[in-house]
Amino acid sequence: MLESLSPYFSDNHIWAFLASTPIIIIGIIGTIIPVLPGTVLIYAGFVVYGLITGFDSLGWPFYLGQIVLLGISYLVDFLASAYGVRFYGGSRAAVWGAFLGSLLIIVIGPVGLIVGPLLGAVAGELIAGKEIRRAGHAGFGTFVGLLGGTVVKLVIAWVMVGWFIWRIV
């Protein structure tokens, strides 16, 4: 019985897939939960696969393309809240406030990615002399933008994983 399975378990591609899959799954979860760097973990899973297989099935175009997708996913993080602010009628001050507020991730961790842009947009509007109601709309727009950005990042994550699976199968 075990002898019939030995060809499968001697293939390093199977071991590489088994080693990289948990990292990739955690990365997909991380695209939804801001505590984890989702697309970075997905990419790390691909690198683990490549290290185990000697990079024989995933070449530099694959890894370069994945880095581009990873970069786009982080750009979406920053631009989504700004778009939401503008869509809900926020001023340029609210957009800058949302952008600067997103830097709170450095101070208070991943929660800063959600709370920071919202507070920044509201603060930007108030500093610009807008009324509290309009500032609240800008803050809500930031939240809507973050939700939309999460959906886009999830699509990017699945494109990354789909490309990986397409290449190794």
Protein backbone atom coordinates (compact mmCIF):
# COMPACT_ATOMS: atom_id res chain seq x y z
CA MET A 1 0.00 0.00 0.00
CA LEU A 2 2.67 2.52 1.03
CA GLU A 3 4.82 1.54 -1.93
CA SER A 4 2.04 2.61 -4.32
CA LEU A 5 1.95 6.06 -2.71
CA SER A 6 5.73 6.60 -2.73
CA PRO A 7 5.88 8.24 -6.19
CA TYR A 8 3.45 10.90 -5.01
CA PHE A 9 5.20 11.66 -1.75
CA SER A 10 8.63 11.86 -3.36
CA ASP A 11 7.53 14.74 -5.59
CA ASN A 12 8.72 18.01 -4.09
CA HIS A 13 5.90 19.91 -5.82
CA ILE A 14 3.37 18.17 -3.60
CA TRP A 15 5.36 19.05 -0.48
CA ALA A 16 5.76 22.60 -1.72
CA PHE A 17 2.02 22.91 -2.29
CA LEU A 18 1.27 21.50 1.16
CA ALA A 19 3.76 23.90 2.77
CA SER A 20 2.56 26.99 0.91
CA THR A 21 -1.21 26.42 1.15
CA PRO A 22 -1.67 27.45 4.84
CA ILE A 23 0.28 30.66 4.22
CA ILE A 24 -1.83 31.46 1.17
CA ILE A 25 -5.08 30.75 3.05
CA ILE A 26 -4.02 33.02 5.91
CA GLY A 27 -3.19 35.66 3.28
CA ILE A 28 -6.69 35.42 1.78
CA ILE A 29 -8.15 35.87 5.26
CA GLY A 30 -5.80 38.83 5.71
CA THR A 31 -7.35 40.64 2.75
CA ILE A 32 -10.54 40.86 4.79
CA ILE A 33 -9.08 41.27 8.28
CA PRO A 34 -6.71 44.26 8.39
CA VAL A 35 -4.59 42.68 11.13
CA LEU A 36 -2.80 40.51 8.57
CA PRO A 37 -0.92 41.69 5.47
CA GLY A 38 -3.04 39.62 3.09
CA THR A 39 -1.38 39.89 -0.32
CA VAL A 40 2.09 39.88 1.23
CA LEU A 41 1.33 36.53 2.88
CA ILE A 42 -0.09 35.17 -0.37
CA TYR A 43 3.13 36.19 -2.12
CA ALA A 44 5.16 34.63 0.71
CA GLY A 45 3.32 31.36 0.08
CA PHE A 46 4.40 31.51 -3.55
CA VAL A 47 8.00 32.13 -2.51
CA VAL A 48 7.87 29.13 -0.15
CA TYR A 49 6.61 27.03 -3.05
CA GLY A 50 9.43 28.32 -5.25
CA LEU A 51 12.11 27.69 -2.62
CA ILE A 52 11.03 24.08 -2.16
CA THR A 53 10.74 23.38 -5.89
CA GLY A 54 13.86 25.27 -6.88
CA PHE A 55 11.74 27.82 -8.76
CA ASP A 56 11.41 25.35 -11.64
CA SER A 57 7.72 25.89 -12.39
CA LEU A 58 7.31 29.57 -11.45
CA GLY A 59 9.66 31.89 -13.27
CA TRP A 60 10.54 35.54 -12.85
CA PRO A 61 7.59 36.79 -14.98
CA PHE A 62 5.23 35.12 -12.50
CA TYR A 63 6.93 36.64 -9.46
CA LEU A 64 7.20 40.07 -11.09
CA GLY A 65 3.53 39.99 -12.06
CA GLN A 66 2.60 38.98 -8.53
CA ILE A 67 4.60 41.91 -7.12
CA VAL A 68 2.66 44.24 -9.43
CA LEU A 69 -0.64 42.80 -8.16
CA LEU A 70 0.60 43.10 -4.57
CA GLY A 71 1.47 46.75 -5.17
CA ILE A 72 -1.92 47.43 -6.72
CA SER A 73 -3.62 45.91 -3.68
CA TYR A 74 -1.80 48.32 -1.38
CA LEU A 75 -2.55 51.24 -3.68
CA VAL A 76 -6.23 50.28 -3.45
CA ASP A 77 -5.94 50.49 0.36
CA PHE A 78 -4.89 54.12 0.18
CA LEU A 79 -7.08 55.25 -2.72
CA ALA A 80 -10.34 53.53 -1.76
CA SER A 81 -11.03 55.69 1.26
CA ALA A 82 -10.17 58.86 -0.67
CA TYR A 83 -12.57 57.85 -3.44
CA GLY A 84 -15.30 57.16 -0.89
CA VAL A 85 -14.78 60.61 0.63
CA ARG A 86 -15.10 62.32 -2.75
CA PHE A 87 -18.10 60.19 -3.74
CA TYR A 88 -19.94 61.28 -0.60
CA GLY A 89 -19.18 64.94 -1.21
CA GLY A 90 -16.10 65.39 0.94
CA SER A 91 -13.70 68.20 0.15
CA ARG A 92 -10.03 67.98 -0.72
CA ALA A 93 -9.29 68.60 2.98
CA ALA A 94 -11.29 65.46 3.84
CA VAL A 95 -9.39 63.43 1.25
CA TRP A 96 -6.06 64.60 2.70
CA GLY A 97 -7.38 63.95 6.19
CA ALA A 98 -8.35 60.40 5.23
CA PHE A 99 -4.93 59.80 3.68
CA LEU A 100 -3.06 61.20 6.67
CA GLY A 101 -5.40 59.35 9.03
CA SER A 102 -4.50 56.06 7.35
CA LEU A 103 -0.99 56.61 8.66
CA LEU A 104 -2.39 55.93 12.14
CA ILE A 105 -1.72 52.28 11.31
CA ILE A 106 1.87 53.05 12.31
CA VAL A 107 0.78 54.34 15.73
CA ILE A 108 -2.15 52.17 16.75
CA GLY A 109 -1.71 49.15 14.52
CA PRO A 110 -4.16 47.60 12.07
CA VAL A 111 -7.18 49.23 13.70
CA GLY A 112 -5.68 52.52 12.49
CA LEU A 113 -6.37 51.43 8.92
CA ILE A 114 -10.11 51.57 9.65
CA VAL A 115 -10.37 54.28 12.29
CA GLY A 116 -7.62 56.55 10.97
CA PRO A 117 -9.11 57.46 7.58
CA LEU A 118 -12.55 57.94 9.10
CA LEU A 119 -11.27 60.28 11.81
CA GLY A 120 -8.94 62.00 9.36
CA ALA A 121 -11.74 62.74 6.89
CA VAL A 122 -13.97 64.15 9.63
CA ALA A 123 -11.08 66.21 11.05
CA GLY A 124 -10.17 67.49 7.57
CA GLU A 125 -13.69 68.73 6.97
CA LEU A 126 -13.93 70.35 10.39
CA ILE A 127 -10.55 72.07 9.95
CA ALA A 128 -11.74 73.35 6.56
CA GLY A 129 -14.68 74.96 8.36
CA LYS A 130 -17.39 72.56 7.18
CA GLU A 131 -20.36 71.71 9.34
CA ILE A 132 -20.41 68.55 11.46
CA ARG A 133 -23.06 66.91 9.25
CA ARG A 134 -20.92 67.27 6.12
CA ALA A 135 -17.89 66.03 8.06
CA GLY A 136 -19.92 62.98 9.10
CA HIS A 137 -20.83 62.29 5.46
CA ALA A 138 -17.16 62.44 4.53
CA GLY A 139 -16.35 60.01 7.33
CA PHE A 140 -19.09 57.65 6.18
CA GLY A 141 -17.75 57.90 2.64
CA THR A 142 -14.38 56.80 3.94
CA PHE A 143 -15.96 53.73 5.51
CA VAL A 144 -17.80 52.88 2.28
CA GLY A 145 -14.56 53.34 0.35
CA LEU A 146 -12.75 50.97 2.71
CA LEU A 147 -15.43 48.33 2.20
CA GLY A 148 -15.20 48.73 -1.57
CA GLY A 149 -11.42 48.57 -1.36
CA THR A 150 -11.66 45.33 0.60
CA VAL A 151 -13.78 43.80 -2.15
CA VAL A 152 -11.25 44.89 -4.80
CA LYS A 153 -8.35 43.53 -2.71
CA LEU A 154 -10.18 40.23 -2.34
CA VAL A 155 -10.58 40.03 -6.12
CA ILE A 156 -6.85 40.78 -6.54
CA ALA A 157 -6.02 38.07 -3.98
CA TRP A 158 -8.08 35.50 -5.88
CA VAL A 159 -6.46 36.54 -9.17
CA MET A 160 -3.06 36.00 -7.54
CA VAL A 161 -4.07 32.56 -6.25
CA GLY A 162 -5.76 31.60 -9.51
CA TRP A 163 -2.65 32.49 -11.48
CA PHE A 164 -0.56 30.41 -9.07
CA ILE A 165 -2.82 27.38 -9.39
CA TRP A 166 -2.98 27.76 -13.16
CA ARG A 167 0.84 27.77 -13.32
CA ILE A 168 1.47 24.77 -11.09
CA VAL A 169 -1.27 22.46 -12.40
